[in-house]
């Protein structure tokens, strides 16, 4: 069920990055702990590749939207597995798993429209 447009996806990218930055502070977590830092790192990476994706909410259109979706998917997998990969599952895992699953669901529900070919006008 593809109900998220590329524009909606772009808006969600920046909102989720903001959530990832705010969550450790809102949750009262130790912001120096690995379980917080993974959110900060993923937020920064998300902002960077969102700013250079070929979609409506970017500044510079460099990377194809399908590549962006693949990075989102990998980010979701990393977020889900991070408590065990980085060794903090005994302290915290639920926010990472839930938000990782949400990230993957957003990818699955996003319309991955084919890129329109660039058209060049002839000076003649």
N, C-alpha and C. Protein backbone atom coordinates (compact mmCIF):
# COMPACT_ATOMS: atom_id res chain seq x y z
N UNK A 1 0.85 -1.17 0.00
CA UNK A 1 0.00 0.00 0.00
C UNK A 1 0.90 1.24 0.00
N UNK A 2 1.08 1.83 -1.14
CA UNK A 2 1.97 2.99 -1.33
C UNK A 2 1.16 4.27 -1.17
N UNK A 3 1.22 4.87 0.01
CA UNK A 3 0.40 6.05 0.28
C UNK A 3 1.24 7.30 0.59
N UNK A 4 2.55 7.14 0.66
CA UNK A 4 3.42 8.27 1.00
C UNK A 4 4.08 8.78 -0.28
N UNK A 5 3.83 10.03 -0.60
CA UNK A 5 4.44 10.64 -1.79
C UNK A 5 5.90 11.00 -1.49
N UNK A 6 6.66 11.32 -2.54
CA UNK A 6 8.04 11.72 -2.33
C UNK A 6 8.12 13.01 -1.50
N UNK A 7 7.19 13.91 -1.73
CA UNK A 7 7.20 15.16 -0.95
C UNK A 7 6.91 14.88 0.52
N UNK A 8 5.91 14.04 0.78
CA UNK A 8 5.59 13.66 2.16
C UNK A 8 6.79 12.96 2.80
N UNK A 9 7.44 12.09 2.03
CA UNK A 9 8.60 11.37 2.53
C UNK A 9 9.70 12.35 2.92
N UNK A 10 9.93 13.35 2.07
CA UNK A 10 10.94 14.35 2.36
C UNK A 10 10.66 15.10 3.65
N UNK A 11 9.42 15.47 3.85
CA UNK A 11 9.04 16.15 5.09
C UNK A 11 9.26 15.23 6.28
N UNK A 12 8.86 13.97 6.13
CA UNK A 12 9.07 12.99 7.20
C UNK A 12 10.55 12.82 7.52
N UNK A 13 11.40 12.85 6.50
CA UNK A 13 12.84 12.70 6.74
C UNK A 13 13.34 13.73 7.74
N UNK A 14 12.98 14.99 7.52
CA UNK A 14 13.46 16.05 8.41
C UNK A 14 12.79 15.98 9.79
N UNK A 15 11.51 15.61 9.83
CA UNK A 15 10.82 15.45 11.11
C UNK A 15 11.42 14.31 11.93
N UNK A 16 11.69 13.20 11.27
CA UNK A 16 12.28 12.05 11.97
C UNK A 16 13.69 12.38 12.45
N UNK A 17 14.47 13.08 11.64
CA UNK A 17 15.81 13.49 12.08
C UNK A 17 15.70 14.37 13.33
N UNK A 18 14.74 15.28 13.33
CA UNK A 18 14.51 16.11 14.52
C UNK A 18 14.11 15.28 15.73
N UNK A 19 13.24 14.30 15.50
CA UNK A 19 12.84 13.40 16.58
C UNK A 19 14.03 12.63 17.12
N UNK A 20 14.88 12.14 16.21
CA UNK A 20 16.06 11.38 16.63
C UNK A 20 16.99 12.24 17.50
N UNK A 21 17.09 13.52 17.18
CA UNK A 21 17.93 14.42 17.97
C UNK A 21 17.28 14.71 19.32
N UNK A 22 15.97 14.93 19.32
CA UNK A 22 15.27 15.32 20.55
C UNK A 22 15.00 14.17 21.50
N UNK A 23 14.82 12.97 20.98
CA UNK A 23 14.37 11.83 21.79
C UNK A 23 15.23 11.57 23.03
N UNK A 24 16.54 11.53 22.93
CA UNK A 24 17.33 11.29 24.15
C UNK A 24 17.13 12.37 25.21
N UNK A 25 16.94 13.61 24.78
CA UNK A 25 16.71 14.69 25.73
C UNK A 25 15.31 14.58 26.34
N UNK A 26 14.32 14.32 25.48
CA UNK A 26 12.94 14.19 25.96
C UNK A 26 12.78 12.98 26.88
N UNK A 27 13.53 11.92 26.59
CA UNK A 27 13.45 10.71 27.40
C UNK A 27 14.29 10.77 28.67
N UNK A 28 15.08 11.83 28.82
CA UNK A 28 15.92 11.94 30.00
C UNK A 28 17.06 10.93 30.01
N UNK A 29 17.47 10.50 28.82
CA UNK A 29 18.53 9.51 28.70
C UNK A 29 19.90 10.16 28.90
N UNK A 30 20.88 9.34 29.16
CA UNK A 30 22.27 9.78 29.19
C UNK A 30 22.66 10.07 27.74
N UNK A 31 22.86 11.34 27.41
CA UNK A 31 23.12 11.71 26.02
C UNK A 31 24.53 11.35 25.56
N UNK A 32 25.36 10.91 26.49
CA UNK A 32 26.70 10.45 26.09
C UNK A 32 26.75 8.94 25.87
N UNK A 33 25.67 8.26 26.19
CA UNK A 33 25.62 6.80 26.03
C UNK A 33 25.44 6.42 24.56
N UNK A 34 25.91 5.25 24.22
CA UNK A 34 25.83 4.76 22.84
C UNK A 34 24.38 4.71 22.37
N UNK A 35 23.44 4.33 23.24
CA UNK A 35 22.04 4.24 22.84
C UNK A 35 21.46 5.59 22.45
N UNK A 36 22.02 6.68 22.95
CA UNK A 36 21.61 8.02 22.52
C UNK A 36 22.38 8.45 21.28
N UNK A 37 23.65 8.18 21.27
CA UNK A 37 24.50 8.63 20.16
C UNK A 37 24.11 8.02 18.83
N UNK A 38 23.60 6.81 18.83
CA UNK A 38 23.17 6.20 17.57
C UNK A 38 22.06 7.05 16.93
N UNK A 39 21.19 7.60 17.75
CA UNK A 39 20.14 8.47 17.22
C UNK A 39 20.73 9.77 16.66
N UNK A 40 21.71 10.34 17.36
CA UNK A 40 22.34 11.57 16.88
C UNK A 40 23.05 11.34 15.54
N UNK A 41 23.77 10.23 15.44
CA UNK A 41 24.51 9.92 14.21
C UNK A 41 23.54 9.68 13.05
N UNK A 42 22.51 8.87 13.29
CA UNK A 42 21.55 8.60 12.21
C UNK A 42 20.79 9.87 11.82
N UNK A 43 20.52 10.75 12.75
CA UNK A 43 19.85 12.02 12.42
C UNK A 43 20.74 12.85 11.50
N UNK A 44 22.01 12.97 11.84
CA UNK A 44 22.93 13.77 11.02
C UNK A 44 23.06 13.18 9.62
N UNK A 45 23.21 11.87 9.53
CA UNK A 45 23.33 11.21 8.23
C UNK A 45 22.05 11.40 7.42
N UNK A 46 20.90 11.26 8.07
CA UNK A 46 19.61 11.43 7.38
C UNK A 46 19.47 12.84 6.82
N UNK A 47 19.86 13.83 7.59
CA UNK A 47 19.77 15.21 7.11
C UNK A 47 20.66 15.42 5.89
N UNK A 48 21.87 14.89 5.95
CA UNK A 48 22.81 15.07 4.83
C UNK A 48 22.29 14.43 3.55
N UNK A 49 21.90 13.14 3.60
CA UNK A 49 21.47 12.52 2.35
C UNK A 49 20.09 13.01 1.90
N UNK A 50 19.30 13.55 2.82
CA UNK A 50 18.02 14.14 2.42
C UNK A 50 18.23 15.46 1.68
N UNK A 51 19.25 16.18 2.08
CA UNK A 51 19.54 17.45 1.41
C UNK A 51 20.07 17.28 -0.01
N UNK A 52 20.54 16.07 -0.33
CA UNK A 52 21.11 15.85 -1.67
C UNK A 52 20.36 14.79 -2.48
N UNK A 53 19.14 14.49 -2.08
CA UNK A 53 18.31 13.51 -2.80
C UNK A 53 17.52 14.22 -3.90
N UNK A 54 17.27 13.52 -4.98
CA UNK A 54 16.46 14.07 -6.07
C UNK A 54 14.98 13.94 -5.72
N UNK A 55 14.53 14.87 -4.86
CA UNK A 55 13.11 14.98 -4.53
C UNK A 55 12.80 16.40 -4.09
N UNK A 56 11.55 16.65 -3.83
CA UNK A 56 11.05 18.02 -3.65
C UNK A 56 11.64 18.78 -2.47
N UNK A 57 12.10 18.11 -1.44
CA UNK A 57 12.52 18.80 -0.23
C UNK A 57 14.03 18.90 -0.06
N UNK A 58 14.77 18.68 -1.14
CA UNK A 58 16.23 18.75 -1.04
C UNK A 58 16.75 20.09 -1.52
N UNK A 59 18.01 20.35 -1.21
CA UNK A 59 18.66 21.56 -1.69
C UNK A 59 19.41 21.31 -3.00
N UNK A 60 20.09 20.17 -3.06
CA UNK A 60 20.88 19.81 -4.23
C UNK A 60 20.45 18.42 -4.66
N UNK A 61 20.03 18.27 -5.87
CA UNK A 61 19.49 16.99 -6.34
C UNK A 61 20.61 16.15 -6.96
N UNK A 62 21.23 15.31 -6.11
CA UNK A 62 22.35 14.48 -6.56
C UNK A 62 22.04 13.00 -6.60
N UNK A 63 21.50 12.46 -5.52
CA UNK A 63 21.31 11.00 -5.48
C UNK A 63 19.87 10.63 -5.84
N UNK A 64 19.71 9.55 -6.58
CA UNK A 64 18.36 9.10 -6.95
C UNK A 64 17.52 8.75 -5.72
N UNK A 65 16.23 8.96 -5.85
CA UNK A 65 15.32 8.70 -4.74
C UNK A 65 15.34 7.22 -4.33
N UNK A 66 15.50 6.34 -5.29
CA UNK A 66 15.54 4.90 -4.95
C UNK A 66 16.77 4.58 -4.09
N UNK A 67 17.87 5.25 -4.32
CA UNK A 67 19.06 5.07 -3.48
C UNK A 67 18.76 5.61 -2.07
N UNK A 68 18.08 6.73 -2.01
CA UNK A 68 17.67 7.30 -0.73
C UNK A 68 16.83 6.28 0.05
N UNK A 69 15.87 5.66 -0.63
CA UNK A 69 15.03 4.66 0.04
C UNK A 69 15.86 3.48 0.53
N UNK A 70 16.85 3.07 -0.24
CA UNK A 70 17.72 1.97 0.18
C UNK A 70 18.50 2.35 1.43
N UNK A 71 18.98 3.59 1.48
CA UNK A 71 19.70 4.07 2.67
C UNK A 71 18.75 4.11 3.87
N UNK A 72 17.52 4.57 3.66
CA UNK A 72 16.52 4.57 4.74
C UNK A 72 16.30 3.15 5.27
N UNK A 73 16.18 2.20 4.36
CA UNK A 73 15.95 0.80 4.74
C UNK A 73 17.13 0.28 5.57
N UNK A 74 18.34 0.54 5.11
CA UNK A 74 19.54 0.11 5.83
C UNK A 74 19.60 0.78 7.20
N UNK A 75 19.23 2.05 7.25
CA UNK A 75 19.20 2.78 8.52
C UNK A 75 18.22 2.13 9.49
N UNK A 76 17.05 1.72 8.98
CA UNK A 76 16.07 1.04 9.83
C UNK A 76 16.60 -0.28 10.37
N UNK A 77 17.27 -1.05 9.51
CA UNK A 77 17.87 -2.32 9.95
C UNK A 77 18.95 -2.06 11.00
N UNK A 78 19.77 -1.05 10.74
CA UNK A 78 20.82 -0.71 11.70
C UNK A 78 20.23 -0.28 13.04
N UNK A 79 19.19 0.52 12.99
CA UNK A 79 18.55 0.98 14.22
C UNK A 79 17.95 -0.19 15.00
N UNK A 80 17.30 -1.10 14.30
CA UNK A 80 16.70 -2.28 14.96
C UNK A 80 17.78 -3.14 15.61
N UNK A 81 18.87 -3.34 14.93
CA UNK A 81 19.91 -4.25 15.42
C UNK A 81 20.94 -3.58 16.33
N UNK A 82 20.96 -2.25 16.37
CA UNK A 82 21.99 -1.52 17.12
C UNK A 82 22.10 -1.90 18.60
N UNK A 83 21.01 -2.17 19.31
CA UNK A 83 21.18 -2.53 20.72
C UNK A 83 22.05 -3.78 20.92
N UNK A 84 21.96 -4.72 19.98
CA UNK A 84 22.74 -5.95 20.09
C UNK A 84 24.11 -5.80 19.43
N UNK A 85 24.15 -5.10 18.30
CA UNK A 85 25.43 -4.88 17.62
C UNK A 85 26.38 -4.03 18.45
N UNK A 86 25.83 -3.04 19.13
CA UNK A 86 26.65 -2.09 19.89
C UNK A 86 26.67 -2.38 21.39
N UNK A 87 25.98 -3.45 21.81
CA UNK A 87 26.08 -3.94 23.18
C UNK A 87 25.35 -3.18 24.26
N UNK A 88 24.23 -2.56 23.93
CA UNK A 88 23.48 -1.87 24.97
C UNK A 88 22.07 -2.42 25.14
N UNK A 89 21.80 -3.61 24.61
CA UNK A 89 20.45 -4.19 24.68
C UNK A 89 19.99 -4.43 26.11
N UNK A 90 20.92 -4.65 27.03
CA UNK A 90 20.53 -4.86 28.43
C UNK A 90 20.09 -3.56 29.10
N UNK A 91 20.46 -2.41 28.50
CA UNK A 91 20.05 -1.11 29.05
C UNK A 91 18.80 -0.57 28.37
N UNK A 92 18.74 -0.74 27.03
CA UNK A 92 17.64 -0.16 26.26
C UNK A 92 17.62 -0.78 24.86
N UNK A 93 16.42 -1.08 24.38
CA UNK A 93 16.30 -1.57 23.01
C UNK A 93 14.97 -1.19 22.35
N UNK A 94 13.92 -1.03 23.12
CA UNK A 94 12.59 -0.84 22.55
C UNK A 94 12.47 0.39 21.63
N UNK A 95 12.96 1.58 22.02
CA UNK A 95 12.82 2.72 21.11
C UNK A 95 13.55 2.49 19.77
N UNK A 96 14.67 1.81 19.83
CA UNK A 96 15.46 1.55 18.63
C UNK A 96 14.73 0.58 17.70
N UNK A 97 14.17 -0.45 18.29
CA UNK A 97 13.43 -1.44 17.49
C UNK A 97 12.18 -0.81 16.89
N UNK A 98 11.40 -0.12 17.70
CA UNK A 98 10.14 0.47 17.23
C UNK A 98 10.41 1.49 16.12
N UNK A 99 11.35 2.41 16.34
CA UNK A 99 11.61 3.44 15.33
C UNK A 99 12.28 2.86 14.09
N UNK A 100 13.07 1.81 14.25
CA UNK A 100 13.64 1.14 13.08
C UNK A 100 12.56 0.49 12.23
N UNK A 101 11.60 -0.15 12.88
CA UNK A 101 10.47 -0.76 12.16
C UNK A 101 9.65 0.32 11.46
N UNK A 102 9.41 1.44 12.14
CA UNK A 102 8.67 2.55 11.53
C UNK A 102 9.41 3.06 10.30
N UNK A 103 10.72 3.19 10.41
CA UNK A 103 11.50 3.66 9.27
C UNK A 103 11.36 2.72 8.07
N UNK A 104 11.40 1.44 8.31
CA UNK A 104 11.24 0.46 7.23
C UNK A 104 9.82 0.52 6.66
N UNK A 105 8.82 0.66 7.51
CA UNK A 105 7.44 0.76 7.03
C UNK A 105 7.24 1.99 6.15
N UNK A 106 7.88 3.10 6.51
CA UNK A 106 7.78 4.31 5.68
C UNK A 106 8.38 4.04 4.30
N UNK A 107 9.50 3.34 4.25
CA UNK A 107 10.10 2.99 2.95
C UNK A 107 9.13 2.15 2.13
N UNK A 108 8.54 1.15 2.75
CA UNK A 108 7.63 0.24 2.06
C UNK A 108 6.38 0.96 1.57
N UNK A 109 5.94 1.98 2.30
CA UNK A 109 4.71 2.68 1.95
C UNK A 109 4.92 3.92 1.07
N UNK A 110 6.18 4.16 0.67
CA UNK A 110 6.49 5.33 -0.15
C UNK A 110 6.44 4.99 -1.62
N UNK A 111 5.81 5.85 -2.39
CA UNK A 111 5.76 5.71 -3.84
C UNK A 111 7.15 6.05 -4.37
N UNK A 112 7.79 5.07 -4.96
CA UNK A 112 9.14 5.27 -5.51
C UNK A 112 9.01 5.54 -7.00
N UNK A 113 8.58 6.76 -7.31
CA UNK A 113 8.35 7.09 -8.71
C UNK A 113 9.65 7.03 -9.50
N UNK A 114 9.51 6.64 -10.74
CA UNK A 114 10.67 6.62 -11.62
C UNK A 114 11.11 8.05 -11.88
N UNK A 115 12.40 8.23 -11.94
CA UNK A 115 12.90 9.58 -12.20
C UNK A 115 12.60 9.98 -13.62
N UNK A 116 12.24 11.24 -13.77
CA UNK A 116 11.95 11.75 -15.09
C UNK A 116 13.26 12.09 -15.79
N UNK A 117 13.40 11.70 -17.05
CA UNK A 117 14.64 11.99 -17.74
C UNK A 117 14.79 13.49 -17.93
N UNK A 118 16.05 13.93 -17.88
CA UNK A 118 16.30 15.34 -18.10
C UNK A 118 16.06 15.66 -19.56
N UNK A 119 15.40 16.76 -19.82
CA UNK A 119 15.16 17.16 -21.19
C UNK A 119 16.04 18.34 -21.53
N UNK A 120 16.61 18.28 -22.68
CA UNK A 120 17.47 19.36 -23.15
C UNK A 120 16.80 20.02 -24.32
N UNK A 121 16.73 21.30 -24.26
CA UNK A 121 16.09 22.02 -25.38
C UNK A 121 17.16 22.45 -26.37
N UNK A 122 16.85 22.30 -27.58
CA UNK A 122 17.77 22.67 -28.64
C UNK A 122 17.71 24.18 -28.87
N UNK A 123 18.86 24.81 -29.08
CA UNK A 123 18.83 26.24 -29.32
C UNK A 123 18.26 26.61 -30.68
N UNK A 124 18.02 25.63 -31.51
CA UNK A 124 17.49 25.90 -32.86
C UNK A 124 16.00 25.89 -32.90
